[in-house]
């Protein structure tokens, strides 16, 4: 009998009878960068994530943002979950936007947090693509299994292809927190921020004193969680 492919929805913090928060990871689909944030949000919410397709044997990566969003909504529906908060970083922010747009068509508008995400087509460049692959593959540790490396590489390549073709035209009327980073690696940030503002009718903007890949590091996490706590109206003592 063939092994069953693991489900896409992952429980990070289980809290019965609490509002649900959905986290959507960046390129590579790994959840490790999110664990500290999940612990923080888990003080008040049950926390779930949707892992990327292509990370387990027998699975093909998805190569469109719309397809990724459709899969995330399908995973939510399969578990009977309707999140009150959706948080996405980088690629995950684009997916989060599309998930919230789909949920709003059903009459539900979660609070949405975009962490250094872009609603515009990503400009592909060999050096930038190679750096992104290296950053993701480094997260696998010093001696990763070669088959795992191959699956992650294929997944990242498919995700970069998806971002190169992505530009959302769909507005979202729910509450949105847009947090942009401060490094110079992404010159299109100002254009991206202006685009988010044009699509979101209820947007709060903030700036993080971190680079794109450092937002979840321990030294930067207090600012990130503080911004999220203020946006969600959590008690000040929760943001630590």
C-alpha atoms as a PDB file:
ATOM      1  CA  UNK A   1       0.000   0.000   0.000  1.00  0.00           C
ATOM      2  CA  UNK A   2       1.367   3.448  -0.914  1.00  0.00           C
ATOM      3  CA  UNK A   3       2.247   5.781   1.962  1.00  0.00           C
ATOM      4  CA  UNK A   4      -0.267   8.548   2.544  1.00  0.00           C
ATOM      5  CA  UNK A   5       1.013  12.050   1.811  1.00  0.00           C
ATOM      6  CA  UNK A   6       0.996  14.151   4.997  1.00  0.00           C
ATOM      7  CA  UNK A   7      -1.609  16.900   5.189  1.00  0.00           C
ATOM      8  CA  UNK A   8      -0.666  20.479   4.437  1.00  0.00           C
ATOM      9  CA  UNK A   9      -2.137  22.076   7.583  1.00  0.00           C
ATOM     10  CA  UNK A  10       0.265  21.970  10.532  1.00  0.00           C
ATOM     11  CA  UNK A  11      -0.757  22.714  14.135  1.00  0.00           C
ATOM     12  CA  UNK A  12       1.856  24.880  15.854  1.00  0.00           C
ATOM     13  CA  UNK A  13      -0.035  25.868  19.017  1.00  0.00           C
ATOM     14  CA  UNK A  14      -3.166  23.977  20.028  1.00  0.00           C
ATOM     15  CA  UNK A  15      -5.685  25.964  22.082  1.00  0.00           C
ATOM     16  CA  UNK A  16      -9.216  24.693  22.396  1.00  0.00           C
ATOM     17  CA  UNK A  17     -12.006  27.264  22.073  1.00  0.00           C
ATOM     18  CA  UNK A  18      -9.558  30.033  21.013  1.00  0.00           C
ATOM     19  CA  UNK A  19      -9.580  32.104  17.826  1.00  0.00           C
ATOM     20  CA  UNK A  20      -7.353  30.680  15.102  1.00  0.00           C
ATOM     21  CA  UNK A  21      -4.315  32.335  13.543  1.00  0.00           C
ATOM     22  CA  UNK A  22      -2.926  31.089  10.231  1.00  0.00           C
ATOM     23  CA  UNK A  23       0.772  31.574   9.426  1.00  0.00           C
ATOM     24  CA  UNK A  24       1.965  31.303   5.820  1.00  0.00           C
ATOM     25  CA  UNK A  25       5.724  30.800   5.363  1.00  0.00           C
ATOM     26  CA  UNK A  26       8.076  32.378   2.865  1.00  0.00           C
ATOM     27  CA  UNK A  27      10.005  30.708   0.068  1.00  0.00           C
ATOM     28  CA  UNK A  28      11.050  27.168   0.842  1.00  0.00           C
ATOM     29  CA  UNK A  29       8.012  26.650   3.026  1.00  0.00           C
ATOM     30  CA  UNK A  30       9.986  25.815   6.157  1.00  0.00           C
ATOM     31  CA  UNK A  31       8.311  26.602   9.459  1.00  0.00           C
ATOM     32  CA  UNK A  32      11.375  27.031  11.702  1.00  0.00           C
ATOM     33  CA  UNK A  33      11.602  30.838  11.252  1.00  0.00           C
ATOM     34  CA  UNK A  34       7.988  31.092  12.449  1.00  0.00           C
ATOM     35  CA  UNK A  35       8.256  29.117  15.678  1.00  0.00           C
ATOM     36  CA  UNK A  36       9.086  32.067  17.958  1.00  0.00           C
ATOM     37  CA  UNK A  37       6.303  34.133  16.395  1.00  0.00           C
ATOM     38  CA  UNK A  38       3.907  31.195  16.769  1.00  0.00           C
ATOM     39  CA  UNK A  39       4.782  30.988  20.466  1.00  0.00           C
ATOM     40  CA  UNK A  40       3.954  34.677  20.878  1.00  0.00           C
ATOM     41  CA  UNK A  41       0.664  34.548  18.974  1.00  0.00           C
ATOM     42  CA  UNK A  42      -0.135  31.291  20.768  1.00  0.00           C
ATOM     43  CA  UNK A  43      -0.571  33.242  23.998  1.00  0.00           C
ATOM     44  CA  UNK A  44      -4.015  34.218  22.743  1.00  0.00           C
ATOM     45  CA  UNK A  45      -4.718  32.105  19.640  1.00  0.00           C
ATOM     46  CA  UNK A  46      -4.555  28.587  18.332  1.00  0.00           C
ATOM     47  CA  UNK A  47      -1.856  28.757  15.657  1.00  0.00           C
ATOM     48  CA  UNK A  48      -1.666  26.828  12.392  1.00  0.00           C
ATOM     49  CA  UNK A  49       0.497  26.940   9.281  1.00  0.00           C
ATOM     50  CA  UNK A  50       0.179  25.616   5.759  1.00  0.00           C
ATOM     51  CA  UNK A  51       3.409  24.046   4.565  1.00  0.00           C
ATOM     52  CA  UNK A  52       4.512  24.371   0.965  1.00  0.00           C
ATOM     53  CA  UNK A  53       3.736  21.643  -1.557  1.00  0.00           C
ATOM     54  CA  UNK A  54       6.715  19.670  -2.833  1.00  0.00           C
ATOM     55  CA  UNK A  55       8.518  19.120   0.471  1.00  0.00           C
ATOM     56  CA  UNK A  56       7.541  15.468   0.930  1.00  0.00           C
ATOM     57  CA  UNK A  57       8.202  12.538  -1.416  1.00  0.00           C
ATOM     58  CA  UNK A  58       5.678  12.135  -4.208  1.00  0.00           C
ATOM     59  CA  UNK A  59       4.488  15.761  -4.088  1.00  0.00           C
ATOM     60  CA  UNK A  60       4.915  18.317  -6.872  1.00  0.00           C
ATOM     61  CA  UNK A  61       5.639  21.990  -6.048  1.00  0.00           C
ATOM     62  CA  UNK A  62       3.041  24.625  -6.886  1.00  0.00           C
ATOM     63  CA  UNK A  63       4.174  27.326  -9.317  1.00  0.00           C
ATOM     64  CA  UNK A  64       1.440  29.981  -9.013  1.00  0.00           C
ATOM     65  CA  UNK A  65       0.473  32.136  -6.042  1.00  0.00           C
ATOM     66  CA  UNK A  66      -3.196  31.581  -6.841  1.00  0.00           C
ATOM     67  CA  UNK A  67      -2.671  27.812  -6.703  1.00  0.00           C
ATOM     68  CA  UNK A  68      -0.915  28.138  -3.342  1.00  0.00           C
ATOM     69  CA  UNK A  69      -3.790  30.241  -1.969  1.00  0.00           C
ATOM     70  CA  UNK A  70      -6.389  27.786  -3.266  1.00  0.00           C
ATOM     71  CA  UNK A  71      -4.534  24.934  -1.542  1.00  0.00           C
ATOM     72  CA  UNK A  72      -4.343  26.880   1.724  1.00  0.00           C
ATOM     73  CA  UNK A  73      -8.105  27.534   1.680  1.00  0.00           C
ATOM     74  CA  UNK A  74      -8.722  23.879   0.841  1.00  0.00           C
ATOM     75  CA  UNK A  75      -6.572  22.857   3.825  1.00  0.00           C
ATOM     76  CA  UNK A  76      -8.560  25.187   6.090  1.00  0.00           C
ATOM     77  CA  UNK A  77     -11.861  23.862   4.785  1.00  0.00           C
ATOM     78  CA  UNK A  78     -10.730  20.280   5.277  1.00  0.00           C
ATOM     79  CA  UNK A  79     -10.067  20.987   8.949  1.00  0.00           C
ATOM     80  CA  UNK A  80     -13.119  23.170   9.525  1.00  0.00           C
ATOM     81  CA  UNK A  81     -10.993  26.206  10.417  1.00  0.00           C
ATOM     82  CA  UNK A  82     -11.854  29.852   9.791  1.00  0.00           C
ATOM     83  CA  UNK A  83      -8.929  32.035  10.933  1.00  0.00           C
ATOM     84  CA  UNK A  84      -9.466  35.361  12.634  1.00  0.00           C
ATOM     85  CA  UNK A  85      -5.854  36.386  11.901  1.00  0.00           C
ATOM     86  CA  UNK A  86      -3.675  35.574   8.878  1.00  0.00           C
ATOM     87  CA  UNK A  87       0.054  36.397   8.916  1.00  0.00           C
ATOM     88  CA  UNK A  88       2.365  36.039   5.934  1.00  0.00           C
ATOM     89  CA  UNK A  89       6.037  36.821   5.430  1.00  0.00           C
ATOM     90  CA  UNK A  90       7.607  37.413   2.001  1.00  0.00           C
ATOM     91  CA  UNK A  91       5.963  34.950  -0.438  1.00  0.00           C
ATOM     92  CA  UNK A  92       3.664  34.009   2.439  1.00  0.00           C
ATOM     93  CA  UNK A  93       2.306  37.551   2.485  1.00  0.00           C
ATOM     94  CA  UNK A  94       1.224  37.314  -1.147  1.00  0.00           C
ATOM     95  CA  UNK A  95      -0.442  33.969  -0.417  1.00  0.00           C
ATOM     96  CA  UNK A  96      -2.031  35.427   2.736  1.00  0.00           C
ATOM     97  CA  UNK A  97      -3.513  38.292   0.730  1.00  0.00           C
ATOM     98  CA  UNK A  98      -5.084  35.904  -1.749  1.00  0.00           C
ATOM     99  CA  UNK A  99      -6.387  33.661   1.051  1.00  0.00           C
ATOM    100  CA  UNK A 100      -8.054  36.637   2.735  1.00  0.00           C
ATOM    101  CA  UNK A 101      -9.575  37.795  -0.551  1.00  0.00           C
ATOM    102  CA  UNK A 102     -11.076  34.326  -1.003  1.00  0.00           C
ATOM    103  CA  UNK A 103     -12.400  34.263   2.564  1.00  0.00           C
ATOM    104  CA  UNK A 104     -13.887  37.746   2.137  1.00  0.00           C
ATOM    105  CA  UNK A 105     -15.916  36.446  -0.802  1.00  0.00           C
ATOM    106  CA  UNK A 106     -17.600  34.168   1.750  1.00  0.00           C
ATOM    107  CA  UNK A 107     -18.313  37.103   4.056  1.00  0.00           C
ATOM    108  CA  UNK A 108     -15.359  36.615   6.439  1.00  0.00           C
ATOM    109  CA  UNK A 109     -12.554  39.175   6.732  1.00  0.00           C
ATOM    110  CA  UNK A 110      -9.646  38.099   8.940  1.00  0.00           C
ATOM    111  CA  UNK A 111      -7.133  40.615  10.237  1.00  0.00           C
ATOM    112  CA  UNK A 112      -4.172  40.367   7.845  1.00  0.00           C
ATOM    113  CA  UNK A 113      -0.498  40.982   8.682  1.00  0.00           C
ATOM    114  CA  UNK A 114       1.936  41.370   5.754  1.00  0.00           C
ATOM    115  CA  UNK A 115       5.603  41.124   6.746  1.00  0.00           C
ATOM    116  CA  UNK A 116       7.905  42.504   4.021  1.00  0.00           C
ATOM    117  CA  UNK A 117       5.721  41.171   1.215  1.00  0.00           C
ATOM    118  CA  UNK A 118       5.212  42.387  -2.330  1.00  0.00           C
ATOM    119  CA  UNK A 119       2.088  42.552  -4.536  1.00  0.00           C
ATOM    120  CA  UNK A 120       4.220  43.023  -7.658  1.00  0.00           C
ATOM    121  CA  UNK A 121       6.081  40.643  -9.949  1.00  0.00           C
ATOM    122  CA  UNK A 122       9.504  39.761  -8.551  1.00  0.00           C
ATOM    123  CA  UNK A 123      12.390  40.678 -10.833  1.00  0.00           C
ATOM    124  CA  UNK A 124      14.452  37.515 -11.245  1.00  0.00           C
ATOM    125  CA  UNK A 125      18.267  37.815 -11.263  1.00  0.00           C
ATOM    126  CA  UNK A 126      20.820  35.019 -11.127  1.00  0.00           C
ATOM    127  CA  UNK A 127      22.671  36.391  -8.095  1.00  0.00           C
ATOM    128  CA  UNK A 128      19.498  37.145  -6.112  1.00  0.00           C
ATOM    129  CA  UNK A 129      17.973  33.772  -6.991  1.00  0.00           C
ATOM    130  CA  UNK A 130      21.129  31.944  -5.939  1.00  0.00           C
ATOM    131  CA  UNK A 131      21.253  33.833  -2.645  1.00  0.00           C
ATOM    132  CA  UNK A 132      17.647  32.961  -1.866  1.00  0.00           C
ATOM    133  CA  UNK A 133      18.283  29.277  -2.595  1.00  0.00           C
ATOM    134  CA  UNK A 134      21.385  29.334  -0.382  1.00  0.00           C
ATOM    135  CA  UNK A 135      19.517  30.981   2.509  1.00  0.00           C
ATOM    136  CA  UNK A 136      16.745  28.391   2.362  1.00  0.00           C
ATOM    137  CA  UNK A 137      19.063  25.410   1.960  1.00  0.00           C
ATOM    138  CA  UNK A 138      21.228  26.613   4.866  1.00  0.00           C
ATOM    139  CA  UNK A 139      18.160  26.187   7.086  1.00  0.00           C
ATOM    140  CA  UNK A 140      18.374  22.422   6.482  1.00  0.00           C
ATOM    141  CA  UNK A 141      21.472  22.134   8.661  1.00  0.00           C
ATOM    142  CA  UNK A 142      25.058  21.018   8.025  1.00  0.00           C
ATOM    143  CA  UNK A 143      24.417  17.541   6.545  1.00  0.00           C
ATOM    144  CA  UNK A 144      20.985  17.465   4.941  1.00  0.00           C
ATOM    145  CA  UNK A 145      19.687  14.408   3.130  1.00  0.00           C
ATOM    146  CA  UNK A 146      20.388  14.827  -0.624  1.00  0.00           C
ATOM    147  CA  UNK A 147      16.809  13.892  -1.543  1.00  0.00           C
ATOM    148  CA  UNK A 148      15.498  16.555   0.854  1.00  0.00           C
ATOM    149  CA  UNK A 149      17.852  19.133  -0.654  1.00  0.00           C
ATOM    150  CA  UNK A 150      16.560  18.291  -4.124  1.00  0.00           C
ATOM    151  CA  UNK A 151      12.909  18.624  -3.067  1.00  0.00           C
ATOM    152  CA  UNK A 152      13.524  21.953  -1.329  1.00  0.00           C
ATOM    153  CA  UNK A 153      15.485  23.296  -4.300  1.00  0.00           C
ATOM    154  CA  UNK A 154      12.701  22.342  -6.715  1.00  0.00           C
ATOM    155  CA  UNK A 155      10.137  23.914  -4.412  1.00  0.00           C
ATOM    156  CA  UNK A 156      12.078  27.178  -4.139  1.00  0.00           C
ATOM    157  CA  UNK A 157      12.552  27.354  -7.909  1.00  0.00           C
ATOM    158  CA  UNK A 158       8.809  26.862  -8.453  1.00  0.00           C
ATOM    159  CA  UNK A 159       8.044  29.544  -5.868  1.00  0.00           C
ATOM    160  CA  UNK A 160      10.426  32.036  -7.480  1.00  0.00           C
ATOM    161  CA  UNK A 161       8.756  31.350 -10.803  1.00  0.00           C
ATOM    162  CA  UNK A 162       5.378  32.019  -9.173  1.00  0.00           C
ATOM    163  CA  UNK A 163       6.557  35.330  -7.736  1.00  0.00           C
ATOM    164  CA  UNK A 164       7.980  36.405 -11.097  1.00  0.00           C
ATOM    165  CA  UNK A 165       4.456  36.206 -12.547  1.00  0.00           C
ATOM    166  CA  UNK A 166       2.491  37.522  -9.576  1.00  0.00           C
ATOM    167  CA  UNK A 167       0.714  40.869  -9.477  1.00  0.00           C
ATOM    168  CA  UNK A 168      -2.501  41.130  -7.560  1.00  0.00           C
ATOM    169  CA  UNK A 169      -5.319  43.340  -8.769  1.00  0.00           C
ATOM    170  CA  UNK A 170      -7.821  42.244  -6.135  1.00  0.00           C
ATOM    171  CA  UNK A 171      -8.656  44.612  -3.247  1.00  0.00           C
ATOM    172  CA  UNK A 172      -9.221  43.521   0.338  1.00  0.00           C
ATOM    173  CA  UNK A 173     -11.590  45.391   2.656  1.00  0.00           C
ATOM    174  CA  UNK A 174     -10.462  43.812   5.930  1.00  0.00           C
ATOM    175  CA  UNK A 175      -7.971  45.289   8.389  1.00  0.00           C
ATOM    176  CA  UNK A 176      -4.379  45.067   7.150  1.00  0.00           C
ATOM    177  CA  UNK A 177      -1.066  45.664   8.923  1.00  0.00           C
ATOM    178  CA  UNK A 178       1.802  46.193   6.465  1.00  0.00           C
ATOM    179  CA  UNK A 179       5.297  45.918   7.974  1.00  0.00           C
ATOM    180  CA  UNK A 180       8.213  46.620   5.650  1.00  0.00           C
ATOM    181  CA  UNK A 181      11.892  46.016   6.425  1.00  0.00           C
ATOM    182  CA  UNK A 182      14.715  48.553   6.235  1.00  0.00           C
ATOM    183  CA  UNK A 183      17.509  46.934   4.191  1.00  0.00           C
ATOM    184  CA  UNK A 184      18.380  47.996   0.646  1.00  0.00           C
ATOM    185  CA  UNK A 185      18.172  44.526  -0.911  1.00  0.00           C
ATOM    186  CA  UNK A 186      14.672  45.108  -2.288  1.00  0.00           C
ATOM    187  CA  UNK A 187      14.556  48.456  -4.157  1.00  0.00           C
ATOM    188  CA  UNK A 188      10.897  47.948  -5.126  1.00  0.00           C
ATOM    189  CA  UNK A 189       9.710  48.271  -1.507  1.00  0.00           C
ATOM    190  CA  UNK A 190       8.292  51.784  -1.864  1.00  0.00           C
ATOM    191  CA  UNK A 191       6.404  50.780  -5.011  1.00  0.00           C
ATOM    192  CA  UNK A 192       5.127  47.670  -3.258  1.00  0.00           C
ATOM    193  CA  UNK A 193       3.948  49.659  -0.239  1.00  0.00           C
ATOM    194  CA  UNK A 194       2.100  52.101  -2.480  1.00  0.00           C
ATOM    195  CA  UNK A 195       0.445  49.193  -4.262  1.00  0.00           C
ATOM    196  CA  UNK A 196      -0.713  47.581  -1.005  1.00  0.00           C
ATOM    197  CA  UNK A 197      -2.155  50.950   0.067  1.00  0.00           C
ATOM    198  CA  UNK A 198      -4.117  51.217  -3.179  1.00  0.00           C
ATOM    199  CA  UNK A 199      -5.644  47.760  -2.643  1.00  0.00           C
ATOM    200  CA  UNK A 200      -6.354  47.901   1.112  1.00  0.00           C
ATOM    201  CA  UNK A 201      -9.089  50.238   2.331  1.00  0.00           C
ATOM    202  CA  UNK A 202      -8.121  49.830   6.019  1.00  0.00           C
ATOM    203  CA  UNK A 203      -4.314  49.654   6.178  1.00  0.00           C
ATOM    204  CA  UNK A 204      -1.891  50.394   9.009  1.00  0.00           C
ATOM    205  CA  UNK A 205       1.768  50.731   8.007  1.00  0.00           C
ATOM    206  CA  UNK A 206       4.952  50.194  10.005  1.00  0.00           C
ATOM    207  CA  UNK A 207       8.697  49.849   9.434  1.00  0.00           C
ATOM    208  CA  UNK A 208      10.889  47.129  10.934  1.00  0.00           C
ATOM    209  CA  UNK A 209      14.530  47.796  11.861  1.00  0.00           C
ATOM    210  CA  UNK A 210      15.602  44.477  10.336  1.00  0.00           C
ATOM    211  CA  UNK A 211      16.574  43.059   6.971  1.00  0.00           C
ATOM    212  CA  UNK A 212      14.294  40.738   5.048  1.00  0.00           C
ATOM    213  CA  UNK A 213      15.798  37.528   6.401  1.00  0.00           C
ATOM    214  CA  UNK A 214      16.274  38.797   9.963  1.00  0.00           C
ATOM    215  CA  UNK A 215      12.752  39.743  11.003  1.00  0.00           C
ATOM    216  CA  UNK A 216      12.293  36.631  13.179  1.00  0.00           C
ATOM    217  CA  UNK A 217      15.730  36.765  14.834  1.00  0.00           C
ATOM    218  CA  UNK A 218      15.622  37.157  18.633  1.00  0.00           C
ATOM    219  CA  UNK A 219      16.982  40.715  18.532  1.00  0.00           C
ATOM    220  CA  UNK A 220      14.249  41.865  16.119  1.00  0.00           C
ATOM    221  CA  UNK A 221      11.323  39.753  17.294  1.00  0.00           C
ATOM    222  CA  UNK A 222      10.201  42.169  20.074  1.00  0.00           C
ATOM    223  CA  UNK A 223       9.554  44.924  17.524  1.00  0.00           C
ATOM    224  CA  UNK A 224       7.646  42.545  15.251  1.00  0.00           C
ATOM    225  CA  UNK A 225       5.500  41.151  18.056  1.00  0.00           C
ATOM    226  CA  UNK A 226       4.952  44.631  19.478  1.00  0.00           C
ATOM    227  CA  UNK A 227       3.590  45.878  16.154  1.00  0.00           C
ATOM    228  CA  UNK A 228       1.339  42.829  15.854  1.00  0.00           C
ATOM    229  CA  UNK A 229       0.119  43.169  19.454  1.00  0.00           C
ATOM    230  CA  UNK A 230      -0.795  46.821  18.926  1.00  0.00           C
ATOM    231  CA  UNK A 231      -2.626  45.986  15.685  1.00  0.00           C
ATOM    232  CA  UNK A 232      -4.583  43.094  17.190  1.00  0.00           C
ATOM    233  CA  UNK A 233      -5.310  44.939  20.434  1.00  0.00           C
ATOM    234  CA  UNK A 234      -3.500  42.405  22.618  1.00  0.00           C
ATOM    235  CA  UNK A 235      -2.486  43.350  26.164  1.00  0.00           C
ATOM    236  CA  UNK A 236       0.861  45.159  26.201  1.00  0.00           C
ATOM    237  CA  UNK A 237       2.346  42.554  28.525  1.00  0.00           C
ATOM    238  CA  UNK A 238       1.805  39.834  25.918  1.00  0.00           C
ATOM    239  CA  UNK A 239       4.319  41.335  23.482  1.00  0.00           C
ATOM    240  CA  UNK A 240       7.661  40.152  24.817  1.00  0.00           C
END
